[in-house]
PDB file of N, CA and C in Angstrom:
ATOM      1  N   MET A   1       0.827  -1.194   0.000  1.00  0.00           N
ATOM      2  CA  MET A   1       0.000   0.000   0.000  1.00  0.00           C
ATOM      3  C   MET A   1       0.873   1.261   0.000  1.00  0.00           C
ATOM      4  N   ILE A   2       1.848   1.287   0.887  1.00  0.00           N
ATOM      5  CA  ILE A   2       2.710   2.461   1.001  1.00  0.00           C
ATOM      6  C   ILE A   2       3.513   2.653  -0.285  1.00  0.00           C
ATOM      7  N   LEU A   3       4.005   1.570  -0.849  1.00  0.00           N
ATOM      8  CA  LEU A   3       4.779   1.674  -2.091  1.00  0.00           C
ATOM      9  C   LEU A   3       3.929   2.235  -3.225  1.00  0.00           C
ATOM     10  N   MET A   4       2.676   1.797  -3.313  1.00  0.00           N
ATOM     11  CA  MET A   4       1.784   2.315  -4.353  1.00  0.00           C
ATOM     12  C   MET A   4       1.516   3.804  -4.167  1.00  0.00           C
ATOM     13  N   LEU A   5       1.340   4.231  -2.934  1.00  0.00           N
ATOM     14  CA  LEU A   5       1.110   5.655  -2.673  1.00  0.00           C
ATOM     15  C   LEU A   5       2.349   6.490  -2.994  1.00  0.00           C
ATOM     16  N   ILE A   6       3.531   5.940  -2.742  1.00  0.00           N
ATOM     17  CA  ILE A   6       4.762   6.659  -3.075  1.00  0.00           C
ATOM     18  C   ILE A   6       4.891   6.814  -4.584  1.00  0.00           C
ATOM     19  N   VAL A   7       4.575   5.757  -5.326  1.00  0.00           N
ATOM     20  CA  VAL A   7       4.630   5.831  -6.794  1.00  0.00           C
ATOM     21  C   VAL A   7       3.616   6.851  -7.308  1.00  0.00           C
ATOM     22  N   LEU A   8       2.415   6.844  -6.747  1.00  0.00           N
ATOM     23  CA  LEU A   8       1.403   7.819  -7.166  1.00  0.00           C
ATOM     24  C   LEU A   8       1.824   9.243  -6.804  1.00  0.00           C
ATOM     25  N   PHE A   9       2.489   9.415  -5.676  1.00  0.00           N
ATOM     26  CA  PHE A   9       2.957  10.733  -5.272  1.00  0.00           C
ATOM     27  C   PHE A   9       3.982  11.279  -6.272  1.00  0.00           C
ATOM     28  N   PHE A  10       4.949  10.447  -6.651  1.00  0.00           N
ATOM     29  CA  PHE A  10       5.947  10.905  -7.615  1.00  0.00           C
ATOM     30  C   PHE A  10       5.330  11.123  -8.997  1.00  0.00           C
ATOM     31  N   SER A  11       4.339  10.327  -9.344  1.00  0.00           N
ATOM     32  CA  SER A  11       3.628  10.560 -10.603  1.00  0.00           C
ATOM     33  C   SER A  11       2.900  11.898 -10.566  1.00  0.00           C
ATOM     34  N   ALA A  12       2.326  12.219  -9.426  1.00  0.00           N
ATOM     35  CA  ALA A  12       1.636  13.506  -9.281  1.00  0.00           C
ATOM     36  C   ALA A  12       2.626  14.667  -9.387  1.00  0.00           C
ATOM     37  N   LEU A  13       3.817  14.503  -8.850  1.00  0.00           N
ATOM     38  CA  LEU A  13       4.829  15.546  -8.985  1.00  0.00           C
ATOM     39  C   LEU A  13       5.218  15.759 -10.443  1.00  0.00           C
ATOM     40  N   LEU A  14       5.355  14.675 -11.186  1.00  0.00           N
ATOM     41  CA  LEU A  14       5.675  14.798 -12.612  1.00  0.00           C
ATOM     42  C   LEU A  14       4.534  15.471 -13.375  1.00  0.00           C
ATOM     43  N   CYS A  15       3.309  15.157 -12.999  1.00  0.00           N
ATOM     44  CA  CYS A  15       2.161  15.805 -13.649  1.00  0.00           C
ATOM     45  C   CYS A  15       2.111  17.287 -13.310  1.00  0.00           C
ATOM     46  N   LEU A  16       2.428  17.634 -12.077  1.00  0.00           N
ATOM     47  CA  LEU A  16       2.466  19.055 -11.715  1.00  0.00           C
ATOM     48  C   LEU A  16       3.530  19.798 -12.510  1.00  0.00           C
ATOM     49  N   TYR A  17       4.652  19.140 -12.755  1.00  0.00           N
ATOM     50  CA  TYR A  17       5.685  19.750 -13.590  1.00  0.00           C
ATOM     51  C   TYR A  17       5.153  19.974 -15.004  1.00  0.00           C
ATOM     52  N   ARG A  18       4.440  18.991 -15.560  1.00  0.00           N
ATOM     53  CA  ARG A  18       3.889  19.122 -16.912  1.00  0.00           C
ATOM     54  C   ARG A  18       2.837  20.223 -16.962  1.00  0.00           C
ATOM     55  N   ILE A  19       2.038  20.331 -15.907  1.00  0.00           N
ATOM     56  CA  ILE A  19       1.014  21.379 -15.867  1.00  0.00           C
ATOM     57  C   ILE A  19       1.674  22.758 -15.813  1.00  0.00           C
ATOM     58  N   GLN A  20       2.720  22.888 -15.037  1.00  0.00           N
ATOM     59  CA  GLN A  20       3.374  24.184 -14.890  1.00  0.00           C
ATOM     60  C   GLN A  20       4.179  24.574 -16.126  1.00  0.00           C
ATOM     61  N   GLN A  21       4.924  23.644 -16.713  1.00  0.00           N
ATOM     62  CA  GLN A  21       5.841  23.971 -17.799  1.00  0.00           C
ATOM     63  C   GLN A  21       5.188  23.996 -19.177  1.00  0.00           C
ATOM     64  N   GLY A  22       4.118  23.250 -19.343  1.00  0.00           N
ATOM     65  CA  GLY A  22       3.424  23.320 -20.633  1.00  0.00           C
ATOM     66  C   GLY A  22       4.049  22.479 -21.707  1.00  0.00           C
ATOM     67  N   PRO A  23       4.459  22.888 -22.786  1.00  0.00           N
ATOM     68  CA  PRO A  23       4.545  24.191 -23.428  1.00  0.00           C
ATOM     69  C   PRO A  23       3.243  24.627 -24.086  1.00  0.00           C
ATOM     70  N   THR A  24       2.314  23.706 -24.300  1.00  0.00           N
ATOM     71  CA  THR A  24       1.056  24.096 -24.939  1.00  0.00           C
ATOM     72  C   THR A  24      -0.105  23.810 -24.002  1.00  0.00           C
ATOM     73  N   ILE A  25      -1.256  24.371 -24.340  1.00  0.00           N
ATOM     74  CA  ILE A  25      -2.462  24.162 -23.527  1.00  0.00           C
ATOM     75  C   ILE A  25      -2.880  22.687 -23.523  1.00  0.00           C
ATOM     76  N   PRO A  26      -2.857  21.970 -24.660  1.00  0.00           N
ATOM     77  CA  PRO A  26      -3.215  20.547 -24.596  1.00  0.00           C
ATOM     78  C   PRO A  26      -2.289  19.725 -23.693  1.00  0.00           C
ATOM     79  N   ASP A  27      -1.002  20.080 -23.634  1.00  0.00           N
ATOM     80  CA  ASP A  27      -0.101  19.388 -22.706  1.00  0.00           C
ATOM     81  C   ASP A  27      -0.540  19.597 -21.262  1.00  0.00           C
ATOM     82  N   ARG A  28      -0.935  20.800 -20.956  1.00  0.00           N
ATOM     83  CA  ARG A  28      -1.414  21.087 -19.600  1.00  0.00           C
ATOM     84  C   ARG A  28      -2.731  20.369 -19.316  1.00  0.00           C
ATOM     85  N   ALA A  29      -3.584  20.268 -20.331  1.00  0.00           N
ATOM     86  CA  ALA A  29      -4.860  19.571 -20.150  1.00  0.00           C
ATOM     87  C   ALA A  29      -4.636  18.092 -19.868  1.00  0.00           C
ATOM     88  N   VAL A  30      -3.673  17.494 -20.553  1.00  0.00           N
ATOM     89  CA  VAL A  30      -3.352  16.085 -20.296  1.00  0.00           C
ATOM     90  C   VAL A  30      -2.823  15.918 -18.880  1.00  0.00           C
ATOM     91  N   GLY A  31      -2.004  16.861 -18.428  1.00  0.00           N
ATOM     92  CA  GLY A  31      -1.493  16.800 -17.062  1.00  0.00           C
ATOM     93  C   GLY A  31      -2.599  16.874 -16.027  1.00  0.00           C
ATOM     94  N   VAL A  32      -3.572  17.757 -16.252  1.00  0.00           N
ATOM     95  CA  VAL A  32      -4.703  17.873 -15.324  1.00  0.00           C
ATOM     96  C   VAL A  32      -5.542  16.596 -15.343  1.00  0.00           C
ATOM     97  N   ASP A  33      -5.734  16.021 -16.521  1.00  0.00           N
ATOM     98  CA  ASP A  33      -6.503  14.782 -16.634  1.00  0.00           C
ATOM     99  C   ASP A  33      -5.812  13.636 -15.902  1.00  0.00           C
ATOM    100  N   ILE A  34      -4.520  13.542 -16.037  1.00  0.00           N
ATOM    101  CA  ILE A  34      -3.788  12.479 -15.341  1.00  0.00           C
ATOM    102  C   ILE A  34      -3.797  12.721 -13.834  1.00  0.00           C
ATOM    103  N   MET A  35      -3.754  13.988 -13.406  1.00  0.00           N
ATOM    104  CA  MET A  35      -3.861  14.285 -11.974  1.00  0.00           C
ATOM    105  C   MET A  35      -5.201  13.808 -11.420  1.00  0.00           C
ATOM    106  N   GLY A  36      -6.263  13.975 -12.202  1.00  0.00           N
ATOM    107  CA  GLY A  36      -7.569  13.467 -11.781  1.00  0.00           C
ATOM    108  C   GLY A  36      -7.557  11.951 -11.633  1.00  0.00           C
ATOM    109  N   THR A  37      -6.906  11.283 -12.564  1.00  0.00           N
ATOM    110  CA  THR A  37      -6.805   9.826 -12.495  1.00  0.00           C
ATOM    111  C   THR A  37      -5.993   9.390 -11.278  1.00  0.00           C
ATOM    112  N   ILE A  38      -4.921  10.102 -10.987  1.00  0.00           N
ATOM    113  CA  ILE A  38      -4.111   9.780  -9.810  1.00  0.00           C
ATOM    114  C   ILE A  38      -4.929   9.987  -8.539  1.00  0.00           C
ATOM    115  N   PHE A  39      -5.717  11.053  -8.493  1.00  0.00           N
ATOM    116  CA  PHE A  39      -6.552  11.303  -7.321  1.00  0.00           C
ATOM    117  C   PHE A  39      -7.595  10.205  -7.139  1.00  0.00           C
ATOM    118  N   VAL A  40      -8.163   9.723  -8.240  1.00  0.00           N
ATOM    119  CA  VAL A  40      -9.117   8.610  -8.166  1.00  0.00           C
ATOM    120  C   VAL A  40      -8.416   7.357  -7.638  1.00  0.00           C
ATOM    121  N   ASN A  41      -7.199   7.106  -8.101  1.00  0.00           N
ATOM    122  CA  ASN A  41      -6.462   5.937  -7.626  1.00  0.00           C
ATOM    123  C   ASN A  41      -6.143   6.027  -6.140  1.00  0.00           C
ATOM    124  N   ILE A  42      -5.754   7.192  -5.671  1.00  0.00           N
ATOM    125  CA  ILE A  42      -5.468   7.360  -4.246  1.00  0.00           C
ATOM    126  C   ILE A  42      -6.730   7.150  -3.421  1.00  0.00           C
ATOM    127  N   THR A  43      -7.853   7.664  -3.896  1.00  0.00           N
ATOM    128  CA  THR A  43      -9.121   7.472  -3.185  1.00  0.00           C
ATOM    129  C   THR A  43      -9.513   6.002  -3.148  1.00  0.00           C
ATOM    130  N   ALA A  44      -9.335   5.303  -4.263  1.00  0.00           N
ATOM    131  CA  ALA A  44      -9.685   3.879  -4.310  1.00  0.00           C
ATOM    132  C   ALA A  44      -8.764   3.053  -3.416  1.00  0.00           C
ATOM    133  N   LEU A  45      -7.473   3.360  -3.421  1.00  0.00           N
ATOM    134  CA  LEU A  45      -6.554   2.640  -2.539  1.00  0.00           C
ATOM    135  C   LEU A  45      -6.895   2.872  -1.071  1.00  0.00           C
ATOM    136  N   THR A  46      -7.264   4.088  -0.727  1.00  0.00           N
ATOM    137  CA  THR A  46      -7.659   4.380   0.648  1.00  0.00           C
ATOM    138  C   THR A  46      -8.926   3.619   1.017  1.00  0.00           C
ATOM    139  N   ALA A  47      -9.859   3.530   0.084  1.00  0.00           N
ATOM    140  CA  ALA A  47     -11.098   2.789   0.338  1.00  0.00           C
ATOM    141  C   ALA A  47     -10.815   1.310   0.576  1.00  0.00           C
ATOM    142  N   ILE A  48      -9.901   0.761  -0.187  1.00  0.00           N
ATOM    143  CA  ILE A  48      -9.577  -0.663  -0.023  1.00  0.00           C
ATOM    144  C   ILE A  48      -8.805  -0.895   1.275  1.00  0.00           C
ATOM    145  N   PHE A  49      -7.825  -0.049   1.550  1.00  0.00           N
ATOM    146  CA  PHE A  49      -6.972  -0.244   2.718  1.00  0.00           C
ATOM    147  C   PHE A  49      -7.734  -0.095   4.027  1.00  0.00           C
ATOM    148  N   TYR A  50      -8.618   0.909   4.122  1.00  0.00           N
ATOM    149  CA  TYR A  50      -9.358   1.160   5.349  1.00  0.00           C
ATOM    150  C   TYR A  50     -10.753   0.535   5.352  1.00  0.00           C
ATOM    151  N   ASN A  51     -11.094  -0.193   4.292  1.00  0.00           N
ATOM    152  CA  ASN A  51     -12.384  -0.875   4.169  1.00  0.00           C
ATOM    153  C   ASN A  51     -13.550   0.112   4.335  1.00  0.00           C
ATOM    154  N   LEU A  52     -13.508   1.174   3.526  1.00  0.00           N
ATOM    155  CA  LEU A  52     -14.552   2.194   3.536  1.00  0.00           C
ATOM    156  C   LEU A  52     -15.227   2.205   2.165  1.00  0.00           C
ATOM    157  N   PRO A  53     -16.356   1.503   2.035  1.00  0.00           N
ATOM    158  CA  PRO A  53     -16.968   1.378   0.707  1.00  0.00           C
ATOM    159  C   PRO A  53     -17.497   2.686   0.129  1.00  0.00           C
ATOM    160  N   TYR A  54     -17.844   3.663   0.964  1.00  0.00           N
ATOM    161  CA  TYR A  54     -18.361   4.918   0.427  1.00  0.00           C
ATOM    162  C   TYR A  54     -17.278   5.696  -0.314  1.00  0.00           C
ATOM    163  N   LEU A  55     -16.013   5.453   0.007  1.00  0.00           N
ATOM    164  CA  LEU A  55     -14.950   6.122  -0.732  1.00  0.00           C
ATOM    165  C   LEU A  55     -14.840   5.604  -2.163  1.00  0.00           C
ATOM    166  N   MET A  56     -15.245   4.359  -2.382  1.00  0.00           N
ATOM    167  CA  MET A  56     -15.253   3.833  -3.744  1.00  0.00           C
ATOM    168  C   MET A  56     -16.312   4.556  -4.577  1.00  0.00           C
ATOM    169  N   ASP A  57     -17.452   4.861  -3.963  1.00  0.00           N
ATOM    170  CA  ASP A  57     -18.470   5.659  -4.658  1.00  0.00           C
ATOM    171  C   ASP A  57     -17.931   7.053  -4.981  1.00  0.00           C
ATOM    172  N   LEU A  58     -17.211   7.633  -4.039  1.00  0.00           N
ATOM    173  CA  LEU A  58     -16.612   8.938  -4.266  1.00  0.00           C
ATOM    174  C   LEU A  58     -15.601   8.890  -5.405  1.00  0.00           C
ATOM    175  N   ALA A  59     -14.822   7.820  -5.479  1.00  0.00           N
ATOM    176  CA  ALA A  59     -13.840   7.676  -6.560  1.00  0.00           C
ATOM    177  C   ALA A  59     -14.528   7.602  -7.920  1.00  0.00           C
ATOM    178  N   ILE A  60     -15.654   6.915  -7.988  1.00  0.00           N
ATOM    179  CA  ILE A  60     -16.397   6.821  -9.241  1.00  0.00           C
ATOM    180  C   ILE A  60     -16.948   8.187  -9.640  1.00  0.00           C
ATOM    181  N   ILE A  61     -17.458   8.932  -8.676  1.00  0.00           N
ATOM    182  CA  ILE A  61     -17.999  10.265  -8.966  1.00  0.00           C
ATOM    183  C   ILE A  61     -16.891  11.199  -9.437  1.00  0.00           C
ATOM    184  N   ILE A  62     -15.733  11.141  -8.794  1.00  0.00           N
ATOM    185  CA  ILE A  62     -14.600  11.972  -9.206  1.00  0.00           C
ATOM    186  C   ILE A  62     -14.166  11.614 -10.620  1.00  0.00           C
ATOM    187  N   ALA A  63     -14.149  10.319 -10.944  1.00  0.00           N
ATOM    188  CA  ALA A  63     -13.763   9.890 -12.289  1.00  0.00           C
ATOM    189  C   ALA A  63     -14.745  10.404 -13.333  1.00  0.00           C
ATOM    190  N   LEU A  64     -16.034  10.381 -13.016  1.00  0.00           N
ATOM    191  CA  LEU A  64     -17.030  10.896 -13.964  1.00  0.00           C
ATOM    192  C   LEU A  64     -16.873  12.401 -14.180  1.00  0.00           C
ATOM    193  N   PHE A  65     -16.662  13.146 -13.092  1.00  0.00           N
ATOM    194  CA  PHE A  65     -16.460  14.589 -13.236  1.00  0.00           C
ATOM    195  C   PHE A  65     -15.187  14.902 -14.015  1.00  0.00           C
ATOM    196  N   SER A  66     -14.153  14.122 -13.787  1.00  0.00           N
ATOM    197  CA  SER A  66     -12.910  14.326 -14.515  1.00  0.00           C
ATOM    198  C   SER A  66     -13.109  14.067 -16.009  1.00  0.00           C
ATOM    199  N   PHE A  67     -13.857  13.027 -16.335  1.00  0.00           N
ATOM    200  CA  PHE A  67     -14.136  12.712 -17.736  1.00  0.00           C
ATOM    201  C   PHE A  67     -14.949  13.823 -18.401  1.00  0.00           C
ATOM    202  N   ILE A  68     -15.976  14.299 -17.713  1.00  0.00           N
ATOM    203  CA  ILE A  68     -16.810  15.364 -18.273  1.00  0.00           C
ATOM    204  C   ILE A  68     -15.996  16.653 -18.435  1.00  0.00           C
ATOM    205  N   GLY A  69     -15.139  16.947 -17.477  1.00  0.00           N
ATOM    206  CA  GLY A  69     -14.288  18.125 -17.584  1.00  0.00           C
ATOM    207  C   GLY A  69     -13.313  18.023 -18.747  1.00  0.00           C
ATOM    208  N   THR A  70     -12.775  16.839 -18.974  1.00  0.00           N
ATOM    209  CA  THR A  70     -11.870  16.641 -20.101  1.00  0.00           C
ATOM    210  C   THR A  70     -12.601  16.816 -21.426  1.00  0.00           C
ATOM    211  N   LEU A  71     -13.813  16.300 -21.508  1.00  0.00           N
ATOM    212  CA  LEU A  71     -14.598  16.490 -22.733  1.00  0.00           C
ATOM    213  C   LEU A  71     -14.903  17.962 -22.979  1.00  0.00           C
ATOM    214  N   ALA A  72     -15.287  18.671 -21.925  1.00  0.00           N
ATOM    215  CA  ALA A  72     -15.599  20.095 -22.077  1.00  0.00           C
ATOM    216  C   ALA A  72     -14.365  20.883 -22.492  1.00  0.00           C
ATOM    217  N   LEU A  73     -13.216  20.568 -21.915  1.00  0.00           N
ATOM    218  CA  LEU A  73     -11.992  21.270 -22.273  1.00  0.00           C
ATOM    219  C   LEU A  73     -11.584  20.983 -23.711  1.00  0.00           C
ATOM    220  N   SER A  74     -11.738  19.756 -24.139  1.00  0.00           N
ATOM    221  CA  SER A  74     -11.383  19.431 -25.527  1.00  0.00           C
ATOM    222  C   SER A  74     -12.314  20.127 -26.514  1.00  0.00           C
ATOM    223  N   LYS A  75     -13.592  20.213 -26.187  1.00  0.00           N
ATOM    224  CA  LYS A  75     -14.521  20.958 -27.049  1.00  0.00           C
ATOM    225  C   LYS A  75     -14.141  22.436 -27.088  1.00  0.00           C
ATOM    226  N   TYR A  76     -13.754  22.993 -25.954  1.00  0.00           N
ATOM    227  CA  TYR A  76     -13.359  24.396 -25.900  1.00  0.00           C
ATOM    228  C   TYR A  76     -12.095  24.638 -26.739  1.00  0.00           C
ATOM    229  N   LEU A  77     -11.133  23.728 -26.647  1.00  0.00           N
ATOM    230  CA  LEU A  77      -9.893  23.894 -27.405  1.00  0.00           C
ATOM    231  C   LEU A  77     -10.121  23.756 -28.903  1.00  0.00           C
ATOM    232  N   GLU A  78     -11.121  22.986 -29.292  1.00  0.00           N
ATOM    233  CA  GLU A  78     -11.461  22.861 -30.712  1.00  0.00           C
ATOM    234  C   GLU A  78     -12.355  23.995 -31.182  1.00  0.00           C
ATOM    235  N   LYS A  79     -12.759  24.863 -30.253  1.00  0.00           N
ATOM    236  CA  LYS A  79     -13.646  25.992 -30.524  1.00  0.00           C
ATOM    237  C   LYS A  79     -14.999  25.535 -31.082  1.00  0.00           C
ATOM    238  N   ARG A  80     -15.510  24.442 -30.516  1.00  0.00           N
ATOM    239  CA  ARG A  80     -16.827  23.946 -30.870  1.00  0.00           C
ATOM    240  C   ARG A  80     -17.763  24.160 -29.693  1.00  0.00           C
ATOM    241  N   SER A  81     -19.056  24.157 -29.953  1.00  0.00           N
ATOM    242  CA  SER A  81     -20.005  24.334 -28.855  1.00  0.00           C
ATOM    243  C   SER A  81     -20.148  23.014 -28.102  1.00  0.00           C
ATOM    244  N   LEU A  82     -20.625  23.095 -26.873  1.00  0.00           N
ATOM    245  CA  LEU A  82     -20.717  21.920 -26.023  1.00  0.00           C
ATOM    246  C   LEU A  82     -21.855  20.991 -26.423  1.00  0.00           C
ATOM    247  N   ASP A  83     -22.786  21.439 -27.251  1.00  0.00           N
ATOM    248  CA  ASP A  83     -23.918  20.599 -27.611  1.00  0.00           C
ATOM    249  C   ASP A  83     -23.719  19.833 -28.917  1.00  0.00           C
ATOM    250  N   ASP A  84     -22.522  19.874 -29.490  1.00  0.00           N
ATOM    251  CA  ASP A  84     -22.242  19.114 -30.721  1.00  0.00           C
ATOM    252  C   ASP A  84     -22.101  17.643 -30.445  1.00  0.00           C
TER     253      ASP A  84
END
């Protein structure tokens, strides 16, 4: 458990570097999307380790919001409306 959290922590640091340095907006968007995935993984690992089933529901909700946010950002970057 601890080893997995350490790997996720260093992955999050690399994603923060990508978000900060860029060089383009899509690169930053990918970094934010991966940060959402890392956060979902940390929530799921915590749910499994502490045997808290409601955290698994929270992880699913976070994943759905992250997916919807990624879709909205990609539509915005393509300069298309959200109802296409």
